[in-house]
Amino acid sequence: MKLENTNQSFFDKVYELVRLIPAGKVTTYGDIAEFIGSKGSARMVGWAMNASHSVFPPVPAHRVVNRNGLLTGKMHFQTPDLMQKLLEAEGLMIVEDRIINFKEKHWIPVKEIKY
């Protein structure tokens, strides 16, 4: 994966990375920001996820959660429970908007992607 393409926008870099998150795993806004070289820009990653619902190819935005494993972006999906339903369909368990066993399901790009 080459995210150093200067012609890519911040959002495009985010989308490229989010498409690599394996089904059944989640990552955080901060993990994404750090990997693409914008540590401290977790909120901007959230804006990218909010804008991703009409992007092609599709972006699995449901796999991006906050640093505590909370589904903080759920209100930006078509229905308030869609994010949870998509994650549960991939085998994750969620209780009160929190991913159960978050540490085991947490995919950390800087540890998982070698380039």
PDB file of N, CA and C in Angstrom:
ATOM      1  N   MET A   1       0.844  -1.181   0.000  1.00  0.00           N
ATOM      2  CA  MET A   1       0.000   0.000   0.000  1.00  0.00           C
ATOM      3  C   MET A   1       0.880   1.231   0.000  1.00  0.00           C
ATOM      4  N   LYS A   2       0.587   2.145  -0.854  1.00  0.00           N
ATOM      5  CA  LYS A   2       1.367   3.366  -0.943  1.00  0.00           C
ATOM      6  C   LYS A   2       0.456   4.549  -0.690  1.00  0.00           C
ATOM      7  N   LEU A   3       0.561   5.105   0.489  1.00  0.00           N
ATOM      8  CA  LEU A   3      -0.272   6.240   0.847  1.00  0.00           C
ATOM      9  C   LEU A   3       0.476   7.565   0.703  1.00  0.00           C
ATOM     10  N   GLU A   4       1.682   7.514   0.188  1.00  0.00           N
ATOM     11  CA  GLU A   4       2.465   8.731   0.085  1.00  0.00           C
ATOM     12  C   GLU A   4       2.217   9.487  -1.206  1.00  0.00           C
ATOM     13  N   ASN A   5       1.264   9.060  -2.010  1.00  0.00           N
ATOM     14  CA  ASN A   5       0.930   9.726  -3.255  1.00  0.00           C
ATOM     15  C   ASN A   5       0.436  11.128  -2.928  1.00  0.00           C
ATOM     16  N   THR A   6       1.189  12.130  -3.329  1.00  0.00           N
ATOM     17  CA  THR A   6       0.830  13.504  -2.988  1.00  0.00           C
ATOM     18  C   THR A   6      -0.408  13.980  -3.727  1.00  0.00           C
ATOM     19  N   ASN A   7      -0.812  13.260  -4.755  1.00  0.00           N
ATOM     20  CA  ASN A   7      -2.020  13.634  -5.483  1.00  0.00           C
ATOM     21  C   ASN A   7      -3.288  13.160  -4.782  1.00  0.00           C
ATOM     22  N   GLN A   8      -3.153  12.299  -3.788  1.00  0.00           N
ATOM     23  CA  GLN A   8      -4.314  11.796  -3.066  1.00  0.00           C
ATOM     24  C   GLN A   8      -4.742  12.790  -1.995  1.00  0.00           C
ATOM     25  N   SER A   9      -6.034  13.006  -1.896  1.00  0.00           N
ATOM     26  CA  SER A   9      -6.548  13.859  -0.828  1.00  0.00           C
ATOM     27  C   SER A   9      -6.500  13.105   0.494  1.00  0.00           C
ATOM     28  N   PHE A  10      -6.635  13.814   1.578  1.00  0.00           N
ATOM     29  CA  PHE A  10      -6.695  13.200   2.896  1.00  0.00           C
ATOM     30  C   PHE A  10      -7.802  12.147   2.925  1.00  0.00           C
ATOM     31  N   PHE A  11      -8.990  12.514   2.447  1.00  0.00           N
ATOM     32  CA  PHE A  11     -10.117  11.584   2.461  1.00  0.00           C
ATOM     33  C   PHE A  11      -9.806  10.337   1.646  1.00  0.00           C
ATOM     34  N   ASP A  12      -9.184  10.491   0.482  1.00  0.00           N
ATOM     35  CA  ASP A  12      -8.855   9.331  -0.352  1.00  0.00           C
ATOM     36  C   ASP A  12      -7.882   8.392   0.349  1.00  0.00           C
ATOM     37  N   LYS A  13      -6.920   8.945   1.069  1.00  0.00           N
ATOM     38  CA  LYS A  13      -5.983   8.116   1.832  1.00  0.00           C
ATOM     39  C   LYS A  13      -6.729   7.339   2.915  1.00  0.00           C
ATOM     40  N   VAL A  14      -7.647   8.024   3.583  1.00  0.00           N
ATOM     41  CA  VAL A  14      -8.455   7.373   4.624  1.00  0.00           C
ATOM     42  C   VAL A  14      -9.257   6.231   4.009  1.00  0.00           C
ATOM     43  N   TYR A  15      -9.927   6.499   2.891  1.00  0.00           N
ATOM     44  CA  TYR A  15     -10.770   5.480   2.260  1.00  0.00           C
ATOM     45  C   TYR A  15      -9.955   4.276   1.813  1.00  0.00           C
ATOM     46  N   GLU A  16      -8.778   4.531   1.257  1.00  0.00           N
ATOM     47  CA  GLU A  16      -7.921   3.433   0.809  1.00  0.00           C
ATOM     48  C   GLU A  16      -7.557   2.532   1.982  1.00  0.00           C
ATOM     49  N   LEU A  17      -7.226   3.135   3.108  1.00  0.00           N
ATOM     50  CA  LEU A  17      -6.852   2.360   4.289  1.00  0.00           C
ATOM     51  C   LEU A  17      -8.059   1.620   4.877  1.00  0.00           C
ATOM     52  N   VAL A  18      -9.184   2.282   4.997  1.00  0.00           N
ATOM     53  CA  VAL A  18     -10.366   1.659   5.593  1.00  0.00           C
ATOM     54  C   VAL A  18     -10.804   0.444   4.772  1.00  0.00           C
ATOM     55  N   ARG A  19     -10.608   0.494   3.477  1.00  0.00           N
ATOM     56  CA  ARG A  19     -10.973  -0.660   2.636  1.00  0.00           C
ATOM     57  C   ARG A  19     -10.111  -1.890   2.942  1.00  0.00           C
ATOM     58  N   LEU A  20      -9.004  -1.707   3.642  1.00  0.00           N
ATOM     59  CA  LEU A  20      -8.115  -2.822   3.994  1.00  0.00           C
ATOM     60  C   LEU A  20      -8.465  -3.480   5.328  1.00  0.00           C
ATOM     61  N   ILE A  21      -9.342  -2.860   6.098  1.00  0.00           N
ATOM     62  CA  ILE A  21      -9.715  -3.435   7.399  1.00  0.00           C
ATOM     63  C   ILE A  21     -10.442  -4.752   7.143  1.00  0.00           C
ATOM     64  N   PRO A  22      -9.937  -5.848   7.683  1.00  0.00           N
ATOM     65  CA  PRO A  22     -10.598  -7.141   7.449  1.00  0.00           C
ATOM     66  C   PRO A  22     -11.990  -7.200   8.083  1.00  0.00           C
ATOM     67  N   ALA A  23     -12.876  -7.934   7.463  1.00  0.00           N
ATOM     68  CA  ALA A  23     -14.193  -8.172   8.045  1.00  0.00           C
ATOM     69  C   ALA A  23     -14.007  -8.800   9.418  1.00  0.00           C
ATOM     70  N   GLY A  24     -14.802  -8.381  10.382  1.00  0.00           N
ATOM     71  CA  GLY A  24     -14.699  -8.911  11.738  1.00  0.00           C
ATOM     72  C   GLY A  24     -13.683  -8.182  12.596  1.00  0.00           C
ATOM     73  N   LYS A  25     -13.066  -7.152  12.043  1.00  0.00           N
ATOM     74  CA  LYS A  25     -12.097  -6.341  12.782  1.00  0.00           C
ATOM     75  C   LYS A  25     -12.524  -4.890  12.721  1.00  0.00           C
ATOM     76  N   VAL A  26     -12.013  -4.087  13.632  1.00  0.00           N
ATOM     77  CA  VAL A  26     -12.277  -2.647  13.636  1.00  0.00           C
ATOM     78  C   VAL A  26     -10.972  -1.914  13.909  1.00  0.00           C
ATOM     79  N   THR A  27     -10.938  -0.665  13.521  1.00  0.00           N
ATOM     80  CA  THR A  27      -9.821   0.195  13.865  1.00  0.00           C
ATOM     81  C   THR A  27     -10.390   1.514  14.355  1.00  0.00           C
ATOM     82  N   THR A  28      -9.516   2.406  14.785  1.00  0.00           N
ATOM     83  CA  THR A  28      -9.974   3.665  15.352  1.00  0.00           C
ATOM     84  C   THR A  28      -9.642   4.831  14.434  1.00  0.00           C
ATOM     85  N   TYR A  29     -10.333   5.925  14.667  1.00  0.00           N
ATOM     86  CA  TYR A  29     -10.077   7.143  13.921  1.00  0.00           C
ATOM     87  C   TYR A  29      -8.609   7.559  14.095  1.00  0.00           C
ATOM     88  N   GLY A  30      -8.122   7.465  15.313  1.00  0.00           N
ATOM     89  CA  GLY A  30      -6.742   7.840  15.594  1.00  0.00           C
ATOM     90  C   GLY A  30      -5.724   6.931  14.935  1.00  0.00           C
ATOM     91  N   ASP A  31      -6.019   5.623  14.894  1.00  0.00           N
ATOM     92  CA  ASP A  31      -5.116   4.682  14.219  1.00  0.00           C
ATOM     93  C   ASP A  31      -4.973   5.031  12.749  1.00  0.00           C
ATOM     94  N   ILE A  32      -6.083   5.391  12.131  1.00  0.00           N
ATOM     95  CA  ILE A  32      -6.068   5.751  10.709  1.00  0.00           C
ATOM     96  C   ILE A  32      -5.252   7.022  10.507  1.00  0.00           C
ATOM     97  N   ALA A  33      -5.521   8.037  11.328  1.00  0.00           N
ATOM     98  CA  ALA A  33      -4.797   9.302  11.209  1.00  0.00           C
ATOM     99  C   ALA A  33      -3.294   9.087  11.361  1.00  0.00           C
ATOM    100  N   GLU A  34      -2.915   8.296  12.340  1.00  0.00           N
ATOM    101  CA  GLU A  34      -1.490   8.031  12.555  1.00  0.00           C
ATOM    102  C   GLU A  34      -0.870   7.339  11.349  1.00  0.00           C
ATOM    103  N   PHE A  35      -1.537   6.325  10.827  1.00  0.00           N
ATOM    104  CA  PHE A  35      -0.973   5.560   9.717  1.00  0.00           C
ATOM    105  C   PHE A  35      -0.766   6.415   8.471  1.00  0.00           C
ATOM    106  N   ILE A  36      -1.691   7.320   8.202  1.00  0.00           N
ATOM    107  CA  ILE A  36      -1.543   8.115   6.978  1.00  0.00           C
ATOM    108  C   ILE A  36      -0.675   9.356   7.196  1.00  0.00           C
ATOM    109  N   GLY A  37      -0.055   9.448   8.374  1.00  0.00           N
ATOM    110  CA  GLY A  37       0.891  10.529   8.630  1.00  0.00           C
ATOM    111  C   GLY A  37       0.260  11.807   9.139  1.00  0.00           C
ATOM    112  N   SER A  38      -0.922  11.719   9.716  1.00  0.00           N
ATOM    113  CA  SER A  38      -1.618  12.896  10.239  1.00  0.00           C
ATOM    114  C   SER A  38      -2.050  12.670  11.679  1.00  0.00           C
ATOM    115  N   LYS A  39      -1.108  12.187  12.485  1.00  0.00           N
ATOM    116  CA  LYS A  39      -1.424  11.925  13.886  1.00  0.00           C
ATOM    117  C   LYS A  39      -2.051  13.173  14.502  1.00  0.00           C
ATOM    118  N   GLY A  40      -3.101  12.991  15.260  1.00  0.00           N
ATOM    119  CA  GLY A  40      -3.807  14.111  15.852  1.00  0.00           C
ATOM    120  C   GLY A  40      -5.004  14.571  15.022  1.00  0.00           C
ATOM    121  N   SER A  41      -5.240  13.906  13.910  1.00  0.00           N
ATOM    122  CA  SER A  41      -6.342  14.292  13.026  1.00  0.00           C
ATOM    123  C   SER A  41      -7.496  13.299  13.054  1.00  0.00           C
ATOM    124  N   ALA A  42      -7.728  12.688  14.195  1.00  0.00           N
ATOM    125  CA  ALA A  42      -8.798  11.690  14.314  1.00  0.00           C
ATOM    126  C   ALA A  42     -10.155  12.286  13.951  1.00  0.00           C
ATOM    127  N   ARG A  43     -10.396  13.506  14.344  1.00  0.00           N
ATOM    128  CA  ARG A  43     -11.687  14.139  14.039  1.00  0.00           C
ATOM    129  C   ARG A  43     -11.875  14.289  12.526  1.00  0.00           C
ATOM    130  N   MET A  44     -10.809  14.616  11.832  1.00  0.00           N
ATOM    131  CA  MET A  44     -10.895  14.751  10.370  1.00  0.00           C
ATOM    132  C   MET A  44     -11.171  13.387   9.722  1.00  0.00           C
ATOM    133  N   VAL A  45     -10.630  12.316  10.304  1.00  0.00           N
ATOM    134  CA  VAL A  45     -10.948  10.968   9.830  1.00  0.00           C
ATOM    135  C   VAL A  45     -12.443  10.719  10.011  1.00  0.00           C
ATOM    136  N   GLY A  46     -13.002  11.175  11.119  1.00  0.00           N
ATOM    137  CA  GLY A  46     -14.435  11.057  11.342  1.00  0.00           C
ATOM    138  C   GLY A  46     -15.239  11.783  10.274  1.00  0.00           C
ATOM    139  N   TRP A  47     -14.780  12.954   9.869  1.00  0.00           N
ATOM    140  CA  TRP A  47     -15.468  13.687   8.799  1.00  0.00           C
ATOM    141  C   TRP A  47     -15.408  12.899   7.495  1.00  0.00           C
ATOM    142  N   ALA A  48     -14.258  12.266   7.252  1.00  0.00           N
ATOM    143  CA  ALA A  48     -14.122  11.442   6.045  1.00  0.00           C
ATOM    144  C   ALA A  48     -15.092  10.272   6.085  1.00  0.00           C
ATOM    145  N   MET A  49     -15.228   9.641   7.260  1.00  0.00           N
ATOM    146  CA  MET A  49     -16.159   8.524   7.374  1.00  0.00           C
ATOM    147  C   MET A  49     -17.601   8.996   7.150  1.00  0.00           C
ATOM    148  N   ASN A  50     -17.935  10.158   7.656  1.00  0.00           N
ATOM    149  CA  ASN A  50     -19.276  10.702   7.472  1.00  0.00           C
ATOM    150  C   ASN A  50     -19.570  10.952   5.994  1.00  0.00           C
ATOM    151  N   ALA A  51     -18.546  11.326   5.240  1.00  0.00           N
ATOM    152  CA  ALA A  51     -18.716  11.620   3.814  1.00  0.00           C
ATOM    153  C   ALA A  51     -18.558  10.385   2.930  1.00  0.00           C
ATOM    154  N   SER A  52     -18.268   9.247   3.516  1.00  0.00           N
ATOM    155  CA  SER A  52     -17.902   8.060   2.729  1.00  0.00           C
ATOM    156  C   SER A  52     -19.075   7.244   2.208  1.00  0.00           C
ATOM    157  N   HIS A  53     -20.261   7.505   2.663  1.00  0.00           N
ATOM    158  CA  HIS A  53     -21.388   6.628   2.359  1.00  0.00           C
ATOM    159  C   HIS A  53     -21.794   6.603   0.888  1.00  0.00           C
ATOM    160  N   SER A  54     -21.362   7.591   0.123  1.00  0.00           N
ATOM    161  CA  SER A  54     -21.699   7.609  -1.307  1.00  0.00           C
ATOM    162  C   SER A  54     -20.469   7.407  -2.187  1.00  0.00           C
ATOM    163  N   VAL A  55     -19.360   7.006  -1.587  1.00  0.00           N
ATOM    164  CA  VAL A  55     -18.104   6.830  -2.315  1.00  0.00           C
ATOM    165  C   VAL A  55     -18.072   5.456  -2.991  1.00  0.00           C
ATOM    166  N   PHE A  56     -17.460   5.414  -4.171  1.00  0.00           N
ATOM    167  CA  PHE A  56     -17.271   4.140  -4.863  1.00  0.00           C
ATOM    168  C   PHE A  56     -15.795   4.000  -5.200  1.00  0.00           C
ATOM    169  N   PRO A  57     -15.213   2.812  -4.995  1.00  0.00           N
ATOM    170  CA  PRO A  57     -15.832   1.634  -4.394  1.00  0.00           C
ATOM    171  C   PRO A  57     -16.217   1.893  -2.939  1.00  0.00           C
ATOM    172  N   PRO A  58     -17.163   1.099  -2.449  1.00  0.00           N
ATOM    173  CA  PRO A  58     -17.673   1.313  -1.088  1.00  0.00           C
ATOM    174  C   PRO A  58     -16.573   1.296  -0.021  1.00  0.00           C
ATOM    175  N   VAL A  59     -16.808   2.059   1.024  1.00  0.00           N
ATOM    176  CA  VAL A  59     -15.894   2.155   2.163  1.00  0.00           C
ATOM    177  C   VAL A  59     -16.608   1.537   3.363  1.00  0.00           C
ATOM    178  N   PRO A  60     -16.012   0.518   3.997  1.00  0.00           N
ATOM    179  CA  PRO A  60     -16.662  -0.109   5.158  1.00  0.00           C
ATOM    180  C   PRO A  60     -16.524   0.754   6.422  1.00  0.00           C
ATOM    181  N   ALA A  61     -17.172   1.897   6.401  1.00  0.00           N
ATOM    182  CA  ALA A  61     -17.073   2.870   7.499  1.00  0.00           C
ATOM    183  C   ALA A  61     -17.525   2.286   8.831  1.00  0.00           C
ATOM    184  N   HIS A  62     -18.336   1.253   8.795  1.00  0.00           N
ATOM    185  CA  HIS A  62     -18.811   0.644  10.046  1.00  0.00           C
ATOM    186  C   HIS A  62     -17.675   0.020  10.841  1.00  0.00           C
ATOM    187  N   ARG A  63     -16.526  -0.195  10.218  1.00  0.00           N
ATOM    188  CA  ARG A  63     -15.380  -0.806  10.904  1.00  0.00           C
ATOM    189  C   ARG A  63     -14.484   0.215  11.592  1.00  0.00           C
ATOM    190  N   VAL A  64     -14.917   1.452  11.669  1.00  0.00           N
ATOM    191  CA  VAL A  64     -14.131   2.505  12.319  1.00  0.00           C
ATOM    192  C   VAL A  64     -14.892   2.983  13.547  1.00  0.00           C
ATOM    193  N   VAL A  65     -14.230   2.869  14.694  1.00  0.00           N
ATOM    194  CA  VAL A  65     -14.848   3.203  15.984  1.00  0.00           C
ATOM    195  C   VAL A  65     -13.924   4.136  16.764  1.00  0.00           C
ATOM    196  N   ASN A  66     -14.376   4.577  17.912  1.00  0.00           N
ATOM    197  CA  ASN A  66     -13.494   5.438  18.699  1.00  0.00           C
ATOM    198  C   ASN A  66     -12.467   4.599  19.470  1.00  0.00           C
ATOM    199  N   ARG A  67     -11.555   5.259  20.144  1.00  0.00           N
ATOM    200  CA  ARG A  67     -10.431   4.571  20.799  1.00  0.00           C
ATOM    201  C   ARG A  67     -10.850   3.628  21.910  1.00  0.00           C
ATOM    202  N   ASN A  68     -12.111   3.733  22.357  1.00  0.00           N
ATOM    203  CA  ASN A  68     -12.619   2.848  23.404  1.00  0.00           C
ATOM    204  C   ASN A  68     -13.510   1.747  22.854  1.00  0.00           C
ATOM    205  N   GLY A  69     -13.600   1.652  21.537  1.00  0.00           N
ATOM    206  CA  GLY A  69     -14.448   0.633  20.928  1.00  0.00           C
ATOM    207  C   GLY A  69     -15.914   0.997  20.882  1.00  0.00           C
ATOM    208  N   LEU A  70     -16.209   2.279  21.001  1.00  0.00           N
ATOM    209  CA  LEU A  70     -17.592   2.746  20.962  1.00  0.00           C
ATOM    210  C   LEU A  70     -18.006   3.109  19.533  1.00  0.00           C
ATOM    211  N   LEU A  71     -19.257   2.840  19.209  1.00  0.00           N
ATOM    212  CA  LEU A  71     -19.807   3.139  17.893  1.00  0.00           C
ATOM    213  C   LEU A  71     -20.252   4.601  17.841  1.00  0.00           C
ATOM    214  N   THR A  72     -19.303   5.506  17.942  1.00  0.00           N
ATOM    215  CA  THR A  72     -19.630   6.931  18.011  1.00  0.00           C
ATOM    216  C   THR A  72     -20.116   7.493  16.684  1.00  0.00           C
ATOM    217  N   GLY A  73     -19.852   6.802  15.579  1.00  0.00           N
ATOM    218  CA  GLY A  73     -20.291   7.293  14.279  1.00  0.00           C
ATOM    219  C   GLY A  73     -21.632   6.754  13.834  1.00  0.00           C
ATOM    220  N   LYS A  74     -22.314   6.025  14.693  1.00  0.00           N
ATOM    221  CA  LYS A  74     -23.539   5.327  14.285  1.00  0.00           C
ATOM    222  C   LYS A  74     -24.635   6.259  13.787  1.00  0.00           C
ATOM    223  N   MET A  75     -24.653   7.501  14.251  1.00  0.00           N
ATOM    224  CA  MET A  75     -25.714   8.424  13.844  1.00  0.00           C
ATOM    225  C   MET A  75     -25.553   8.903  12.408  1.00  0.00           C
ATOM    226  N   HIS A  76     -24.429   8.573  11.788  1.00  0.00           N
ATOM    227  CA  HIS A  76     -24.183   8.995  10.411  1.00  0.00           C
ATOM    228  C   HIS A  76     -24.547   7.915   9.390  1.00  0.00           C
ATOM    229  N   PHE A  77     -25.123   6.833   9.850  1.00  0.00           N
ATOM    230  CA  PHE A  77     -25.577   5.766   8.958  1.00  0.00           C
ATOM    231  C   PHE A  77     -27.060   5.985   8.651  1.00  0.00           C
ATOM    232  N   GLN A  78     -27.572   5.275   7.664  1.00  0.00           N
ATOM    233  CA  GLN A  78     -28.970   5.458   7.238  1.00  0.00           C
ATOM    234  C   GLN A  78     -29.957   5.303   8.384  1.00  0.00           C
ATOM    235  N   THR A  79     -29.679   4.367   9.278  1.00  0.00           N
ATOM    236  CA  THR A  79     -30.503   4.192  10.470  1.00  0.00           C
ATOM    237  C   THR A  79     -29.563   4.106  11.668  1.00  0.00           C
ATOM    238  N   PRO A  80     -30.027   4.468  12.853  1.00  0.00           N
ATOM    239  CA  PRO A  80     -29.158   4.471  14.030  1.00  0.00           C
ATOM    240  C   PRO A  80     -28.575   3.107  14.401  1.00  0.00           C
ATOM    241  N   ASP A  81     -29.212   2.018  13.955  1.00  0.00           N
ATOM    242  CA  ASP A  81     -28.710   0.695  14.320  1.00  0.00           C
ATOM    243  C   ASP A  81     -27.976  -0.019  13.183  1.00  0.00           C
ATOM    244  N   LEU A  82     -27.823   0.643  12.029  1.00  0.00           N
ATOM    245  CA  LEU A  82     -27.191  -0.013  10.885  1.00  0.00           C
ATOM    246  C   LEU A  82     -25.730  -0.354  11.135  1.00  0.00           C
ATOM    247  N   MET A  83     -24.975   0.539  11.744  1.00  0.00           N
ATOM    248  CA  MET A  83     -23.560   0.268  12.025  1.00  0.00           C
ATOM    249  C   MET A  83     -23.426  -0.997  12.873  1.00  0.00           C
ATOM    250  N   GLN A  84     -24.218  -1.085  13.919  1.00  0.00           N
ATOM    251  CA  GLN A  84     -24.179  -2.258  14.795  1.00  0.00           C
ATOM    252  C   GLN A  84     -24.565  -3.515  14.023  1.00  0.00           C
ATOM    253  N   LYS A  85     -25.608  -3.446  13.227  1.00  0.00           N
ATOM    254  CA  LYS A  85     -26.051  -4.615  12.464  1.00  0.00           C
ATOM    255  C   LYS A  85     -24.967  -5.096  11.502  1.00  0.00           C
ATOM    256  N   LEU A  86     -24.277  -4.167  10.855  1.00  0.00           N
ATOM    257  CA  LEU A  86     -23.204  -4.544   9.924  1.00  0.00           C
ATOM    258  C   LEU A  86     -22.055  -5.229  10.667  1.00  0.00           C
ATOM    259  N   LEU A  87     -21.695  -4.714  11.825  1.00  0.00           N
ATOM    260  CA  LEU A  87     -20.624  -5.320  12.620  1.00  0.00           C
ATOM    261  C   LEU A  87     -21.043  -6.686  13.153  1.00  0.00           C
ATOM    262  N   GLU A  88     -22.268  -6.799  13.611  1.00  0.00           N
ATOM    263  CA  GLU A  88     -22.759  -8.087  14.105  1.00  0.00           C
ATOM    264  C   GLU A  88     -22.809  -9.124  12.983  1.00  0.00           C
ATOM    265  N   ALA A  89     -23.114  -8.693  11.777  1.00  0.00           N
ATOM    266  CA  ALA A  89     -23.130  -9.611  10.633  1.00  0.00           C
ATOM    267  C   ALA A  89     -21.728 -10.145  10.331  1.00  0.00           C
ATOM    268  N   GLU A  90     -20.707  -9.432  10.801  1.00  0.00           N
ATOM    269  CA  GLU A  90     -19.316  -9.859  10.628  1.00  0.00           C
ATOM    270  C   GLU A  90     -18.805 -10.614  11.851  1.00  0.00           C
ATOM    271  N   GLY A  91     -19.677 -10.882  12.811  1.00  0.00           N
ATOM    272  CA  GLY A  91     -19.307 -11.692  13.955  1.00  0.00           C
ATOM    273  C   GLY A  91     -18.927 -10.930  15.210  1.00  0.00           C
ATOM    274  N   LEU A  92     -18.998  -9.616  15.202  1.00  0.00           N
ATOM    275  CA  LEU A  92     -18.678  -8.850  16.397  1.00  0.00           C
ATOM    276  C   LEU A  92     -19.894  -8.785  17.312  1.00  0.00           C
ATOM    277  N   MET A  93     -19.623  -8.683  18.605  1.00  0.00           N
ATOM    278  CA  MET A  93     -20.688  -8.527  19.588  1.00  0.00           C
ATOM    279  C   MET A  93     -20.635  -7.106  20.126  1.00  0.00           C
ATOM    280  N   ILE A  94     -21.796  -6.476  20.198  1.00  0.00           N
ATOM    281  CA  ILE A  94     -21.883  -5.108  20.675  1.00  0.00           C
ATOM    282  C   ILE A  94     -22.928  -5.039  21.782  1.00  0.00           C
ATOM    283  N   VAL A  95     -22.554  -4.390  22.874  1.00  0.00           N
ATOM    284  CA  VAL A  95     -23.486  -4.162  23.977  1.00  0.00           C
ATOM    285  C   VAL A  95     -23.390  -2.685  24.335  1.00  0.00           C
ATOM    286  N   GLU A  96     -24.545  -2.021  24.339  1.00  0.00           N
ATOM    287  CA  GLU A  96     -24.618  -0.595  24.659  1.00  0.00           C
ATOM    288  C   GLU A  96     -23.615   0.215  23.848  1.00  0.00           C
ATOM    289  N   ASP A  97     -23.605  -0.047  22.534  1.00  0.00           N
ATOM    290  CA  ASP A  97     -22.762   0.671  21.571  1.00  0.00           C
ATOM    291  C   ASP A  97     -21.257   0.434  21.760  1.00  0.00           C
ATOM    292  N   ARG A  98     -20.870  -0.592  22.500  1.00  0.00           N
ATOM    293  CA  ARG A  98     -19.448  -0.884  22.729  1.00  0.00           C
ATOM    294  C   ARG A  98     -19.129  -2.280  22.212  1.00  0.00           C
ATOM    295  N   ILE A  99     -18.016  -2.382  21.524  1.00  0.00           N
ATOM    296  CA  ILE A  99     -17.578  -3.678  21.004  1.00  0.00           C
ATOM    297  C   ILE A  99     -17.042  -4.526  22.148  1.00  0.00           C
ATOM    298  N   ILE A 100     -17.587  -5.722  22.275  1.00  0.00           N
ATOM    299  CA  ILE A 100     -17.126  -6.670  23.284  1.00  0.00           C
ATOM    300  C   ILE A 100     -15.789  -7.242  22.793  1.00  0.00           C
ATOM    301  N   ASN A 101     -14.838  -7.397  23.703  1.00  0.00           N
ATOM    302  CA  ASN A 101     -13.493  -7.884  23.361  1.00  0.00           C
ATOM    303  C   ASN A 101     -12.818  -6.977  22.336  1.00  0.00           C
ATOM    304  N   PHE A 102     -12.951  -5.691  22.539  1.00  0.00           N
ATOM    305  CA  PHE A 102     -12.396  -4.710  21.605  1.00  0.00           C
ATOM    306  C   PHE A 102     -10.916  -4.941  21.328  1.00  0.00           C
ATOM    307  N   LYS A 103     -10.137  -5.216  22.358  1.00  0.00           N
ATOM    308  CA  LYS A 103      -8.690  -5.409  22.149  1.00  0.00           C
ATOM    309  C   LYS A 103      -8.395  -6.555  21.194  1.00  0.00           C
ATOM    310  N   GLU A 104      -9.214  -7.587  21.222  1.00  0.00           N
ATOM    311  CA  GLU A 104      -9.019  -8.734  20.320  1.00  0.00           C
ATOM    312  C   GLU A 104      -9.469  -8.430  18.896  1.00  0.00           C
ATOM    313  N   LYS A 105     -10.391  -7.521  18.742  1.00  0.00           N
ATOM    314  CA  LYS A 105     -10.955  -7.176  17.428  1.00  0.00           C
ATOM    315  C   LYS A 105     -10.285  -5.955  16.813  1.00  0.00           C
ATOM    316  N   HIS A 106      -9.398  -5.320  17.576  1.00  0.00           N
ATOM    317  CA  HIS A 106      -8.753  -4.073  17.164  1.00  0.00           C
ATOM    318  C   HIS A 106      -7.647  -4.345  16.144  1.00  0.00           C
ATOM    319  N   TRP A 107      -7.832  -3.840  14.951  1.00  0.00           N
ATOM    320  CA  TRP A 107      -6.859  -3.954  13.863  1.00  0.00           C
ATOM    321  C   TRP A 107      -6.074  -2.649  13.826  1.00  0.00           C
ATOM    322  N   ILE A 108      -4.760  -2.742  14.053  1.00  0.00           N
ATOM    323  CA  ILE A 108      -3.918  -1.548  14.139  1.00  0.00           C
ATOM    324  C   ILE A 108      -3.039  -1.491  12.888  1.00  0.00           C
ATOM    325  N   PRO A 109      -3.334  -0.567  11.970  1.00  0.00           N
ATOM    326  CA  PRO A 109      -2.638  -0.541  10.685  1.00  0.00           C
ATOM    327  C   PRO A 109      -1.117  -0.495  10.776  1.00  0.00           C
ATOM    328  N   VAL A 110      -0.558   0.291  11.707  1.00  0.00           N
ATOM    329  CA  VAL A 110       0.903   0.384  11.781  1.00  0.00           C
ATOM    330  C   VAL A 110       1.545  -0.948  12.166  1.00  0.00           C
ATOM    331  N   LYS A 111       0.773  -1.841  12.779  1.00  0.00           N
ATOM    332  CA  LYS A 111       1.287  -3.165  13.142  1.00  0.00           C
ATOM    333  C   LYS A 111       0.961  -4.197  12.083  1.00  0.00           C
ATOM    334  N   GLU A 112      -0.123  -4.009  11.332  1.00  0.00           N
ATOM    335  CA  GLU A 112      -0.616  -5.009  10.392  1.00  0.00           C
ATOM    336  C   GLU A 112      -0.127  -4.825   8.962  1.00  0.00           C
ATOM    337  N   ILE A 113       0.166  -3.609   8.574  1.00  0.00           N
ATOM    338  CA  ILE A 113       0.530  -3.333   7.179  1.00  0.00           C
ATOM    339  C   ILE A 113       2.031  -3.110   7.076  1.00  0.00           C
ATOM    340  N   LYS A 114       2.628  -3.892   6.249  1.00  0.00           N
ATOM    341  CA  LYS A 114       4.056  -3.749   5.979  1.00  0.00           C
ATOM    342  C   LYS A 114       4.204  -3.238   4.559  1.00  0.00           C
ATOM    343  N   TYR A 115       4.924  -2.158   4.406  1.00  0.00           N
ATOM    344  CA  TYR A 115       5.145  -1.624   3.062  1.00  0.00           C
ATOM    345  C   TYR A 115       6.519  -1.068   2.930  1.00  0.00           C
TER     346      TYR A 115
END
